[in-house]
Each structure stands twice: as structure tokens, then as C-alpha cells.
Amino acid sequence: MKKQIILLIPLLLHLCSFAQSERVIKLTSPCSDEFVQNVPGRWLDYGAGLNANISKQQQQEIFNRLDKIHQFVVNIYASPMGFDAEHGWHTFDDQFAYQVKLDHLENGNTRESRINGVPVVLYSYEAYFGRYSCVYNDTHKMLRGLPSEDVEWFFVYANKLTLLAGEVPLYIDGRKVQMMPAVKGNWKGYTLYYIPFQGTAKTMVFLHRDGMLPYIPVTRKQYLDIAIPYITKFYDDQVADLDKIPVRSIEEQEAIKNKNH
């Protein structure tokens, strides 16, 4: 999550008219930051998005794992105070370690398609946390935490390398080269990775079986062997495009300037 959520023990009692289906809550006394931080929150369930072509037994096995993750999160935030929490999970059919086939189109563009991938089921757990707040133009109204776009979040992905988000247009053996994120530190023996994200940052840990990396490390020589020709061609093309721009005489420039004025 991008911010730390602080749990506070309720100290004040206010009479509130709670409407389960509405986010705006009317109060009998003025709203304040201290008040909203001590309002009991809710755990909500937005359900499951089931898009993987698997059997009922396989689906239940995945749900059992996701439920253990959910119980771990609920144990931390068993009784939300000053915020709402919402969870759900998803399953998708995906491919792992696939190669990329590039088709060159008539308009000069290229189209990518996946080939020789290993079929896997991607599944995920998502939890969102929205804090309560006072309505800025009405001192006797409060906003519940959810639904809202301004939320903190906690995600767990299985069988997906969301960690490798820094994609570059380079290929080795038909597979895309991706950049590892920066290392921020350690957490309980696990490496913490740091990825800037829309003005804030995502902090992630990466779990895998001992001795079995789910990616192929790229040596510095492999990277430079493909990066140097690509970068050289990129800047050669930029210079060639600049050379195509017509150079106007002083008289022509003055004529264009006078016309625009």
C-alpha cells in the first residue's frame, strides 16, 4: 500500500444515521478528523471474477489458497476504524515464458502475437482500503470510505510477474527483455522491490521456489549486444528525420512570421 493505515481506539460516541446503501452519512454533531477516525468501518466483499477455464475442483483449490491470504489480511484489520475494507479475487487463463512473434503490417506497424507459451492459471487477491472523511461543504455529513477512487491497496498475484514491469523493445530468443525494479531493502528476509507509480510507489515482495527463478536472467553482455544496435539505429533515425526538415532562408522565415502576425 502506498500509505500506512493507522488504527485508532474509539474514544468518542456520536449519534449517526447509518445508511448501508449510501456513502454520505448525516450526523447529529459536527464532523471532524478525530471523529471519522473513530467510526467503526466495514469489511465488504465485491465477489470473484472467474475467467479461467478450469474444473470446479481446481477452482476450489485456488479459492482455498486465496481465503488463507484473506484471513491473513483480516487478522491485521479485523475491526476497521475510520475506513472501509473491500476484498475480492480473480482467475484468468494466461501464458508463461512465451515468445513473441512480430507480424509486419502493410501500414508499417507491427503486430505481436504469443507463441510457444506454457499455459497457466493466473489468480489474484485484491483488498482496497478507503478512509472516512468529512464532506467539505457540510459540517454535519460524513463520507464512508468505499466506494472511492482514492484508496490504498494490497494485491497478491500468483503465476504472474507483475514485478517485471519495466519493459523495453528488445528481444532475446524471441522473448521480451524486461527490467528489474529497484531494491528498496528487506522485509522478514525477503527482498523489497520499489516501483514508482502515478506520483507514489508500489512496494512488492517476490516469492518463488528455492533455486527455481520464474525468469531467465540476462547478462550484461547479452543486454549490450542487443541494446547498442537498437539505440544506435534509434538515434540514426532521429537524425535522418531532422535532416528531412526543410531549411528556410531568412526571407522565408520573415515572410511566415509576418503572415502569422
Protein backbone atom coordinates (compact mmCIF):
# COMPACT_ATOMS: atom_id res chain seq x y z
CA MET A 1 0.00 0.00 0.00
CA LYS A 2 1.21 3.48 -0.72
CA LYS A 3 0.36 4.86 2.75
CA GLN A 4 0.30 3.46 6.23
CA ILE A 5 -3.18 2.93 7.64
CA ILE A 6 -3.35 3.73 11.36
CA LEU A 7 -5.89 2.03 13.58
CA LEU A 8 -7.24 4.11 16.44
CA ILE A 9 -9.23 3.04 19.50
CA PRO A 10 -12.67 4.72 19.57
CA LEU A 11 -12.86 7.44 22.22
CA LEU A 12 -15.98 9.41 21.28
CA LEU A 13 -19.57 8.34 20.75
CA HIS A 14 -21.74 10.26 18.29
CA LEU A 15 -25.25 9.55 17.12
CA CYS A 16 -25.09 8.71 13.43
CA SER A 17 -27.76 7.76 10.95
CA PHE A 18 -26.04 4.95 9.05
CA ALA A 19 -27.49 4.01 5.69
CA GLN A 20 -25.84 0.87 4.38
CA SER A 21 -26.58 1.67 0.74
CA GLU A 22 -25.38 5.30 0.84
CA ARG A 23 -21.89 6.70 1.13
CA VAL A 24 -23.00 10.08 2.53
CA ILE A 25 -23.95 9.81 6.22
CA LYS A 26 -25.83 12.54 8.11
CA LEU A 27 -24.52 13.37 11.59
CA THR A 28 -26.15 14.90 14.64
CA SER A 29 -22.95 16.79 15.56
CA PRO A 30 -20.19 18.49 13.55
CA CYS A 31 -17.82 16.24 11.65
CA SER A 32 -14.09 16.31 12.40
CA ASP A 33 -10.97 14.32 11.55
CA GLU A 34 -10.88 12.93 15.07
CA PHE A 35 -14.46 11.77 14.76
CA VAL A 36 -14.16 9.98 11.38
CA GLN A 37 -11.02 8.18 12.54
CA ASN A 38 -13.03 6.57 15.33
CA VAL A 39 -16.09 5.50 13.34
CA PRO A 40 -16.34 1.68 13.02
CA GLY A 41 -15.68 0.65 9.44
CA ARG A 42 -16.82 -2.33 7.36
CA TRP A 43 -15.39 -5.35 5.59
CA LEU A 44 -17.03 -5.65 2.16
CA ASP A 45 -16.87 -8.43 -0.42
CA TYR A 46 -17.10 -7.47 -4.09
CA GLY A 47 -17.02 -11.11 -5.19
CA ALA A 48 -14.94 -13.11 -7.61
CA GLY A 49 -14.19 -12.72 -11.29
CA LEU A 50 -13.88 -16.24 -12.66
CA ASN A 51 -12.42 -16.26 -16.15
CA ALA A 52 -10.14 -19.30 -16.12
CA ASN A 53 -11.18 -22.47 -17.94
CA ILE A 54 -10.62 -24.90 -15.05
CA SER A 55 -12.57 -27.58 -13.22
CA LYS A 56 -14.63 -26.96 -10.09
CA GLN A 57 -12.04 -28.84 -8.05
CA GLN A 58 -9.17 -26.72 -9.37
CA GLN A 59 -11.22 -23.59 -8.74
CA GLN A 60 -11.87 -24.64 -5.14
CA GLU A 61 -8.16 -25.31 -4.57
CA ILE A 62 -7.38 -21.78 -5.73
CA PHE A 63 -10.13 -20.35 -3.53
CA ASN A 64 -8.72 -22.19 -0.51
CA ARG A 65 -5.35 -20.51 -1.06
CA LEU A 66 -6.90 -17.08 -1.61
CA ASP A 67 -9.03 -17.47 1.50
CA LYS A 68 -5.89 -18.06 3.59
CA ILE A 69 -4.48 -14.80 2.22
CA HIS A 70 -7.74 -13.05 3.05
CA GLN A 71 -7.70 -14.35 6.61
CA PHE A 72 -4.14 -13.05 6.97
CA VAL A 73 -5.32 -9.55 5.97
CA VAL A 74 -8.47 -9.72 8.11
CA ASN A 75 -6.37 -10.66 11.15
CA ILE A 76 -4.47 -7.39 10.69
CA TYR A 77 -7.59 -5.28 10.16
CA ALA A 78 -10.20 -7.37 11.97
CA SER A 79 -12.24 -4.33 13.06
CA PRO A 80 -11.57 -1.40 10.71
CA MET A 81 -11.74 2.00 12.39
CA GLY A 82 -12.11 5.10 10.25
CA PHE A 83 -12.02 3.20 6.96
CA ASP A 84 -13.81 0.59 4.86
CA ALA A 85 -12.08 -2.52 3.53
CA GLU A 86 -13.17 -4.50 0.49
CA HIS A 87 -11.77 -7.69 -0.98
CA GLY A 88 -12.22 -9.93 -3.99
CA TRP A 89 -10.34 -12.37 -6.19
CA HIS A 90 -9.93 -13.24 -9.85
CA THR A 91 -8.78 -16.09 -12.09
CA PHE A 92 -7.56 -15.84 -15.69
CA ASP A 93 -6.06 -18.10 -18.33
CA ASP A 94 -2.57 -16.90 -19.22
CA GLN A 95 0.73 -17.98 -20.76
CA PHE A 96 4.14 -18.13 -19.16
CA ALA A 97 7.58 -17.90 -20.80
CA TYR A 98 6.02 -17.24 -24.19
CA GLN A 99 7.87 -15.99 -27.24
CA VAL A 100 6.72 -13.02 -29.28
CA LYS A 101 6.04 -13.27 -32.99
CA LEU A 102 6.17 -9.94 -34.82
CA ASP A 103 4.00 -9.57 -37.91
CA HIS A 104 4.82 -6.59 -40.13
CA LEU A 105 1.65 -4.94 -41.43
CA GLU A 106 1.15 -3.08 -44.70
CA ASN A 107 0.83 0.29 -42.95
CA GLY A 108 4.32 -0.05 -41.49
CA ASN A 109 3.18 -1.04 -37.99
CA THR A 110 3.84 -4.37 -36.30
CA ARG A 111 1.51 -6.76 -34.52
CA GLU A 112 2.59 -9.00 -31.66
CA SER A 113 1.27 -12.50 -31.00
CA ARG A 114 2.27 -15.03 -28.34
CA ILE A 115 3.66 -18.42 -29.32
CA ASN A 116 5.17 -21.45 -27.54
CA GLY A 117 3.91 -20.32 -24.12
CA VAL A 118 3.23 -22.57 -21.15
CA PRO A 119 -0.49 -22.41 -20.18
CA VAL A 120 -1.03 -21.30 -16.59
CA VAL A 121 -3.87 -20.05 -14.45
CA LEU A 122 -3.28 -16.56 -13.08
CA TYR A 123 -5.14 -15.83 -9.87
CA SER A 124 -5.11 -12.84 -7.59
CA TYR A 125 -6.32 -11.47 -4.28
CA GLU A 126 -7.15 -7.76 -4.01
CA ALA A 127 -8.01 -5.67 -0.98
CA TYR A 128 -8.86 -1.97 -1.05
CA PHE A 129 -8.97 0.44 1.90
CA GLY A 130 -10.86 3.73 1.78
CA ARG A 131 -10.75 6.18 4.67
CA TYR A 132 -13.75 8.08 6.02
CA SER A 133 -13.81 11.85 5.61
CA CYS A 134 -15.96 14.89 6.30
CA VAL A 135 -17.99 16.48 3.49
CA TYR A 136 -16.13 19.72 2.77
CA ASN A 137 -19.24 21.89 2.28
CA ASP A 138 -21.44 20.39 5.02
CA THR A 139 -20.14 20.06 8.57
CA HIS A 140 -22.89 17.59 9.51
CA LYS A 141 -22.15 14.99 6.84
CA MET A 142 -19.54 12.26 6.53
CA LEU A 143 -18.35 10.18 3.57
CA ARG A 144 -17.85 6.48 4.01
CA GLY A 145 -14.58 5.07 2.70
CA LEU A 146 -15.98 3.00 -0.17
CA PRO A 147 -16.75 3.16 -3.00
CA SER A 148 -13.99 5.64 -3.83
CA GLU A 149 -11.11 6.11 -6.27
CA ASP A 150 -8.82 7.41 -3.51
CA VAL A 151 -7.86 4.12 -1.87
CA GLU A 152 -4.88 2.19 -0.56
CA TRP A 153 -4.49 -1.36 -1.76
CA PHE A 154 -2.92 -4.75 -1.13
CA PHE A 155 -2.53 -7.20 -4.05
CA VAL A 156 -1.25 -10.76 -4.27
CA TYR A 157 -0.69 -12.27 -7.72
CA ALA A 158 0.10 -15.93 -8.40
CA ASN A 159 1.67 -17.08 -11.68
CA LYS A 160 2.21 -13.52 -12.90
CA LEU A 161 5.41 -11.47 -12.99
CA THR A 162 3.95 -8.04 -12.27
CA LEU A 163 7.34 -7.35 -10.69
CA LEU A 164 8.92 -7.12 -14.16
CA ALA A 165 7.09 -4.01 -15.28
CA GLY A 166 9.94 -2.14 -16.97
CA GLU A 167 9.51 -3.49 -20.49
CA VAL A 168 11.93 -2.46 -23.25
CA PRO A 169 11.52 -3.14 -27.01
CA LEU A 170 14.32 -5.72 -27.10
CA TYR A 171 14.16 -9.50 -27.58
CA ILE A 172 16.40 -12.47 -26.85
CA ASP A 173 15.38 -15.78 -28.45
CA GLY A 174 12.00 -14.23 -29.23
CA ARG A 175 11.30 -13.32 -25.59
CA LYS A 176 10.92 -9.76 -24.36
CA VAL A 177 13.61 -8.23 -22.21
CA GLN A 178 12.24 -6.61 -19.07
CA MET A 179 13.89 -4.51 -16.37
CA MET A 180 14.07 -5.48 -12.73
CA PRO A 181 12.79 -2.80 -10.30
CA ALA A 182 14.99 -1.04 -7.79
CA VAL A 183 15.72 -2.78 -4.49
CA LYS A 184 14.41 -0.83 -1.51
CA GLY A 185 15.52 -3.09 1.32
CA ASN A 186 14.50 -6.28 3.11
CA TRP A 187 11.38 -7.40 4.96
CA LYS A 188 11.48 -10.54 7.09
CA GLY A 189 14.21 -12.00 4.93
CA TYR A 190 12.54 -11.09 1.61
CA THR A 191 13.82 -8.52 -0.86
CA LEU A 192 11.63 -5.43 -1.13
CA TYR A 193 11.28 -4.02 -4.64
CA TYR A 194 10.26 -0.43 -5.30
CA ILE A 195 8.35 0.74 -8.40
CA PRO A 196 7.28 4.41 -8.84
CA PHE A 197 3.59 4.54 -9.71
CA GLN A 198 1.49 7.62 -10.55
CA GLY A 199 3.15 10.02 -8.13
CA THR A 200 3.59 7.44 -5.39
CA ALA A 201 5.17 3.97 -5.36
CA LYS A 202 4.42 0.28 -5.18
CA THR A 203 6.45 -1.85 -2.80
CA MET A 204 6.48 -5.57 -3.55
CA VAL A 205 7.99 -8.86 -2.45
CA PHE A 206 8.63 -11.71 -4.87
CA LEU A 207 8.07 -15.30 -3.74
CA HIS A 208 9.26 -18.34 -5.70
CA ARG A 209 10.55 -21.85 -5.12
CA ASP A 210 14.16 -22.12 -3.94
CA GLY A 211 16.55 -22.46 -6.86
CA MET A 212 13.78 -22.01 -9.45
CA LEU A 213 13.58 -18.48 -10.82
CA PRO A 214 10.48 -17.92 -12.99
CA TYR A 215 12.54 -15.83 -15.41
CA ILE A 216 15.81 -16.14 -17.33
CA PRO A 217 18.47 -13.69 -16.06
CA VAL A 218 20.13 -11.63 -18.79
CA THR A 219 23.86 -10.99 -18.63
CA ARG A 220 25.28 -7.52 -19.17
CA LYS A 221 26.92 -8.71 -22.42
CA GLN A 222 23.63 -10.12 -23.76
CA TYR A 223 21.88 -6.85 -22.98
CA LEU A 224 24.57 -4.64 -24.53
CA ASP A 225 24.83 -6.83 -27.64
CA ILE A 226 21.18 -6.12 -28.49
CA ALA A 227 20.78 -2.69 -26.87
CA ILE A 228 23.68 -0.91 -28.60
CA PRO A 229 22.48 -1.64 -32.19
CA TYR A 230 18.90 -0.74 -31.22
CA ILE A 231 19.89 2.58 -29.61
CA THR A 232 22.26 3.41 -32.48
CA LYS A 233 19.51 2.82 -35.05
CA PHE A 234 17.02 4.79 -32.95
CA TYR A 235 19.20 7.93 -32.92
CA ASP A 236 20.24 7.47 -36.55
CA ASP A 237 16.54 7.51 -37.47
CA GLN A 238 16.01 10.63 -35.34
CA VAL A 239 18.85 12.45 -37.09
CA ALA A 240 17.57 11.32 -40.50
CA ASP A 241 14.12 12.72 -39.69
CA LEU A 242 15.67 16.05 -38.71
CA ASP A 243 17.63 16.15 -41.97
CA LYS A 244 14.33 15.88 -43.88
CA ILE A 245 13.06 19.15 -42.37
CA PRO A 246 13.50 21.89 -44.99
CA VAL A 247 15.81 24.75 -44.04
CA ARG A 248 14.15 28.08 -44.90
CA SER A 249 16.02 31.22 -45.79
CA ILE A 250 15.91 34.35 -43.64
CA GLU A 251 13.49 35.94 -46.11
CA GLU A 252 11.14 32.94 -45.99
CA GLN A 253 11.19 32.91 -42.19
CA GLU A 254 10.36 36.61 -42.06
CA ALA A 255 7.52 36.14 -44.55
CA ILE A 256 5.99 33.32 -42.44
CA LYS A 257 6.36 35.39 -39.28
CA ASN A 258 4.65 38.43 -40.85
CA LYS A 259 1.85 36.25 -42.20
CA ASN A 260 1.15 34.76 -38.79
CA HIS A 261 1.02 38.21 -37.20
